[in-house]
Amino acid sequence: MKKLILILSITLLCGSAASWSETLTVPSYAIPNSSSGVLRPTRGISKTAVEQKFGSPQQKSSPVGDPPITKWTYSDFIVYFEYNHVIHSVIPR
């Protein structure tokens, strides 16, 4: 009988522990690449096309690594190039 009460007590305690959990939500930082968000270069565009469309960057970093990755910093976004083409553009937090 004591064994049954012990097992039942442990089961109830374990079951009630699950009800104490909470859901963690993480806000989305996805900003659309459009006029309603921040318009920025898309993958595959050349350095020349980026400079023609968005102007000269505030800062140009030297190529790093192999393949060479270059970073251009604009006021609203950062563009990463592999060789001469955009591989990614991001909005810094």
N, C-alpha and C. Protein backbone atom coordinates (compact mmCIF):
# COMPACT_ATOMS: atom_id res chain seq x y z
N MET A 1 0.83 -1.20 0.00
CA MET A 1 0.00 0.00 0.00
C MET A 1 0.86 1.26 0.00
N LYS A 2 1.93 1.24 0.85
CA LYS A 2 2.81 2.40 0.90
C LYS A 2 3.48 2.64 -0.45
N LYS A 3 3.82 1.51 -1.12
CA LYS A 3 4.47 1.61 -2.41
C LYS A 3 3.53 2.27 -3.43
N LEU A 4 2.28 1.91 -3.41
CA LEU A 4 1.28 2.47 -4.32
C LEU A 4 1.11 3.97 -4.08
N ILE A 5 1.04 4.37 -2.82
CA ILE A 5 0.89 5.78 -2.48
C ILE A 5 2.13 6.56 -2.92
N LEU A 6 3.32 5.98 -2.74
CA LEU A 6 4.56 6.63 -3.16
C LEU A 6 4.59 6.81 -4.68
N ILE A 7 4.24 5.77 -5.43
CA ILE A 7 4.22 5.85 -6.89
C ILE A 7 3.19 6.88 -7.35
N LEU A 8 2.01 6.87 -6.73
CA LEU A 8 0.97 7.83 -7.08
C LEU A 8 1.42 9.26 -6.79
N SER A 9 2.08 9.48 -5.68
CA SER A 9 2.57 10.81 -5.30
C SER A 9 3.62 11.31 -6.29
N ILE A 10 4.54 10.43 -6.65
CA ILE A 10 5.59 10.81 -7.61
C ILE A 10 4.98 11.13 -8.97
N THR A 11 4.01 10.33 -9.39
CA THR A 11 3.33 10.56 -10.66
C THR A 11 2.62 11.91 -10.67
N LEU A 12 1.94 12.22 -9.60
CA LEU A 12 1.23 13.50 -9.51
C LEU A 12 2.20 14.68 -9.50
N LEU A 13 3.29 14.54 -8.79
CA LEU A 13 4.29 15.62 -8.75
C LEU A 13 4.93 15.85 -10.12
N CYS A 14 5.26 14.77 -10.79
CA CYS A 14 5.86 14.88 -12.13
C CYS A 14 4.87 15.48 -13.13
N GLY A 15 3.63 15.09 -13.03
CA GLY A 15 2.61 15.62 -13.92
C GLY A 15 2.35 17.09 -13.68
N SER A 16 2.40 17.51 -12.44
CA SER A 16 2.14 18.92 -12.15
C SER A 16 3.33 19.80 -12.53
N ALA A 17 4.54 19.22 -12.59
CA ALA A 17 5.72 20.00 -12.99
C ALA A 17 5.60 20.46 -14.44
N ALA A 18 4.98 19.65 -15.26
CA ALA A 18 4.80 20.01 -16.67
C ALA A 18 3.87 21.22 -16.81
N SER A 19 2.95 21.39 -15.90
CA SER A 19 2.03 22.52 -15.99
C SER A 19 2.70 23.83 -15.56
N TRP A 20 3.88 23.76 -14.98
CA TRP A 20 4.59 24.98 -14.58
C TRP A 20 5.40 25.57 -15.70
N SER A 21 5.55 24.86 -16.80
CA SER A 21 6.37 25.37 -17.90
C SER A 21 5.69 26.57 -18.55
N GLU A 22 6.50 27.38 -19.20
CA GLU A 22 5.96 28.53 -19.91
C GLU A 22 6.53 28.59 -21.30
N THR A 23 5.86 29.29 -22.18
CA THR A 23 6.29 29.41 -23.56
C THR A 23 7.12 30.67 -23.71
N LEU A 24 8.28 30.52 -24.32
CA LEU A 24 9.16 31.64 -24.57
C LEU A 24 9.00 32.07 -26.01
N THR A 25 8.64 33.31 -26.24
CA THR A 25 8.51 33.81 -27.60
C THR A 25 9.64 34.78 -27.88
N VAL A 26 10.20 34.68 -29.07
CA VAL A 26 11.29 35.54 -29.48
C VAL A 26 10.76 36.46 -30.58
N PRO A 27 10.94 37.77 -30.43
CA PRO A 27 10.42 38.68 -31.45
C PRO A 27 11.15 38.49 -32.78
N SER A 28 10.44 38.71 -33.85
CA SER A 28 11.02 38.60 -35.18
C SER A 28 11.69 39.92 -35.55
N TYR A 29 12.92 39.82 -36.02
CA TYR A 29 13.64 41.00 -36.45
C TYR A 29 13.70 41.08 -37.97
N ALA A 30 12.88 40.30 -38.64
CA ALA A 30 12.87 40.30 -40.09
C ALA A 30 12.28 41.61 -40.60
N ILE A 31 13.09 42.35 -41.30
CA ILE A 31 12.64 43.62 -41.88
C ILE A 31 12.55 43.40 -43.38
N PRO A 32 11.38 43.66 -43.97
CA PRO A 32 11.21 43.38 -45.39
C PRO A 32 12.15 44.17 -46.27
N ASN A 33 12.57 43.53 -47.37
CA ASN A 33 13.42 44.18 -48.36
C ASN A 33 12.51 44.85 -49.38
N SER A 34 11.89 45.95 -48.96
CA SER A 34 10.96 46.68 -49.81
C SER A 34 10.85 48.11 -49.32
N SER A 35 10.05 48.89 -50.01
CA SER A 35 9.88 50.29 -49.61
C SER A 35 9.21 50.41 -48.25
N SER A 36 8.48 49.37 -47.81
CA SER A 36 7.86 49.42 -46.48
C SER A 36 8.86 49.05 -45.39
N GLY A 37 9.98 48.45 -45.77
CA GLY A 37 11.04 48.08 -44.82
C GLY A 37 12.28 48.89 -45.14
N VAL A 38 13.36 48.20 -45.48
CA VAL A 38 14.60 48.85 -45.90
C VAL A 38 15.01 48.21 -47.22
N LEU A 39 14.98 48.98 -48.28
CA LEU A 39 15.38 48.49 -49.58
C LEU A 39 16.89 48.31 -49.60
N ARG A 40 17.36 47.11 -49.97
CA ARG A 40 18.79 46.81 -49.97
C ARG A 40 19.12 45.86 -51.12
N PRO A 41 20.40 45.72 -51.45
CA PRO A 41 20.79 44.86 -52.58
C PRO A 41 20.43 43.39 -52.35
N THR A 42 20.13 42.70 -53.44
CA THR A 42 19.81 41.28 -53.37
C THR A 42 20.97 40.45 -53.91
N ARG A 43 20.95 39.19 -53.61
CA ARG A 43 22.01 38.26 -53.99
C ARG A 43 22.26 38.28 -55.50
N GLY A 44 23.56 38.31 -55.87
CA GLY A 44 23.94 38.20 -57.27
C GLY A 44 24.23 39.51 -57.98
N ILE A 45 23.85 40.63 -57.39
CA ILE A 45 24.09 41.93 -58.02
C ILE A 45 25.58 42.27 -57.93
N SER A 46 26.10 42.90 -58.96
CA SER A 46 27.53 43.25 -58.98
C SER A 46 27.80 44.49 -58.13
N LYS A 47 29.08 44.68 -57.78
CA LYS A 47 29.47 45.87 -57.00
C LYS A 47 29.12 47.15 -57.75
N THR A 48 29.33 47.13 -59.05
CA THR A 48 29.02 48.32 -59.87
C THR A 48 27.54 48.66 -59.80
N ALA A 49 26.69 47.65 -59.93
CA ALA A 49 25.24 47.87 -59.88
C ALA A 49 24.81 48.37 -58.51
N VAL A 50 25.42 47.83 -57.44
CA VAL A 50 25.08 48.29 -56.09
C VAL A 50 25.45 49.75 -55.93
N GLU A 51 26.63 50.12 -56.39
CA GLU A 51 27.07 51.51 -56.25
C GLU A 51 26.22 52.45 -57.09
N GLN A 52 25.78 52.01 -58.26
CA GLN A 52 24.92 52.84 -59.10
C GLN A 52 23.56 53.05 -58.46
N LYS A 53 23.01 51.99 -57.85
CA LYS A 53 21.67 52.08 -57.29
C LYS A 53 21.63 52.71 -55.91
N PHE A 54 22.64 52.42 -55.06
CA PHE A 54 22.61 52.86 -53.66
C PHE A 54 23.65 53.92 -53.33
N GLY A 55 24.49 54.27 -54.29
CA GLY A 55 25.52 55.28 -54.05
C GLY A 55 26.76 54.68 -53.41
N SER A 56 27.71 55.55 -53.10
CA SER A 56 28.95 55.10 -52.48
C SER A 56 28.71 54.73 -51.02
N PRO A 57 29.33 53.63 -50.56
CA PRO A 57 29.15 53.24 -49.16
C PRO A 57 29.92 54.16 -48.23
N GLN A 58 29.54 54.17 -46.97
CA GLN A 58 30.27 54.96 -45.97
C GLN A 58 31.64 54.37 -45.71
N GLN A 59 31.72 53.04 -45.84
CA GLN A 59 32.99 52.36 -45.57
C GLN A 59 33.10 51.11 -46.43
N LYS A 60 34.31 50.86 -46.96
CA LYS A 60 34.59 49.65 -47.72
C LYS A 60 35.71 48.91 -47.01
N SER A 61 35.48 47.65 -46.68
CA SER A 61 36.53 46.86 -46.04
C SER A 61 37.37 46.16 -47.10
N SER A 62 38.57 45.80 -46.74
CA SER A 62 39.45 45.05 -47.64
C SER A 62 38.98 43.61 -47.71
N PRO A 63 39.22 42.92 -48.83
CA PRO A 63 38.83 41.51 -48.94
C PRO A 63 39.53 40.66 -47.89
N VAL A 64 38.78 39.67 -47.37
CA VAL A 64 39.31 38.77 -46.35
C VAL A 64 39.03 37.34 -46.77
N GLY A 65 40.03 36.45 -46.65
CA GLY A 65 39.84 35.02 -46.86
C GLY A 65 39.92 34.59 -48.31
N ASP A 66 39.57 33.31 -48.50
CA ASP A 66 39.57 32.72 -49.83
C ASP A 66 38.33 31.83 -49.94
N PRO A 67 37.33 32.16 -50.67
CA PRO A 67 37.23 33.28 -51.59
C PRO A 67 37.17 34.61 -50.84
N PRO A 68 37.61 35.67 -51.51
CA PRO A 68 37.64 36.97 -50.83
C PRO A 68 36.24 37.51 -50.54
N ILE A 69 36.00 37.87 -49.27
CA ILE A 69 34.72 38.44 -48.85
C ILE A 69 34.97 39.91 -48.49
N THR A 70 34.21 40.78 -49.10
CA THR A 70 34.32 42.22 -48.88
C THR A 70 33.04 42.72 -48.26
N LYS A 71 33.16 43.71 -47.38
CA LYS A 71 31.98 44.28 -46.71
C LYS A 71 31.90 45.76 -47.03
N TRP A 72 30.72 46.19 -47.46
CA TRP A 72 30.44 47.60 -47.66
C TRP A 72 29.40 48.02 -46.64
N THR A 73 29.65 49.12 -45.94
CA THR A 73 28.73 49.60 -44.92
C THR A 73 28.01 50.84 -45.40
N TYR A 74 26.69 50.78 -45.40
CA TYR A 74 25.83 51.91 -45.70
C TYR A 74 25.16 52.35 -44.40
N SER A 75 24.45 53.46 -44.42
CA SER A 75 23.83 53.96 -43.19
C SER A 75 22.74 53.01 -42.66
N ASP A 76 21.99 52.34 -43.56
CA ASP A 76 20.88 51.49 -43.13
C ASP A 76 21.15 49.99 -43.22
N PHE A 77 22.20 49.58 -43.93
CA PHE A 77 22.45 48.16 -44.11
C PHE A 77 23.93 47.91 -44.41
N ILE A 78 24.30 46.62 -44.38
CA ILE A 78 25.66 46.19 -44.72
C ILE A 78 25.54 45.16 -45.84
N VAL A 79 26.43 45.27 -46.83
CA VAL A 79 26.41 44.35 -47.96
C VAL A 79 27.71 43.54 -47.96
N TYR A 80 27.58 42.22 -48.14
CA TYR A 80 28.73 41.33 -48.21
C TYR A 80 28.87 40.82 -49.64
N PHE A 81 30.08 40.90 -50.16
CA PHE A 81 30.38 40.47 -51.53
C PHE A 81 31.34 39.29 -51.50
N GLU A 82 31.14 38.34 -52.40
CA GLU A 82 32.14 37.31 -52.68
C GLU A 82 32.64 37.62 -54.07
N TYR A 83 33.93 37.85 -54.17
CA TYR A 83 34.53 38.37 -55.40
C TYR A 83 33.83 39.68 -55.74
N ASN A 84 32.99 39.69 -56.77
CA ASN A 84 32.42 40.95 -57.25
C ASN A 84 30.89 40.98 -57.15
N HIS A 85 30.30 39.98 -56.45
CA HIS A 85 28.84 39.90 -56.42
C HIS A 85 28.31 39.79 -54.99
N VAL A 86 27.11 40.33 -54.78
CA VAL A 86 26.47 40.31 -53.46
C VAL A 86 26.15 38.87 -53.07
N ILE A 87 26.52 38.51 -51.84
CA ILE A 87 26.11 37.21 -51.31
C ILE A 87 25.06 37.39 -50.21
N HIS A 88 25.06 38.59 -49.57
CA HIS A 88 24.09 38.82 -48.49
C HIS A 88 24.07 40.31 -48.15
N SER A 89 22.92 40.78 -47.73
CA SER A 89 22.82 42.14 -47.18
C SER A 89 22.01 42.06 -45.90
N VAL A 90 22.47 42.76 -44.88
CA VAL A 90 21.83 42.68 -43.57
C VAL A 90 21.60 44.06 -42.99
N ILE A 91 20.68 44.12 -42.04
CA ILE A 91 20.41 45.36 -41.32
C ILE A 91 20.97 45.17 -39.92
N PRO A 92 21.95 45.98 -39.51
CA PRO A 92 22.51 45.81 -38.17
C PRO A 92 21.50 46.22 -37.11
N ARG A 93 21.56 45.55 -35.96
CA ARG A 93 20.65 45.87 -34.85
C ARG A 93 21.20 47.04 -34.08
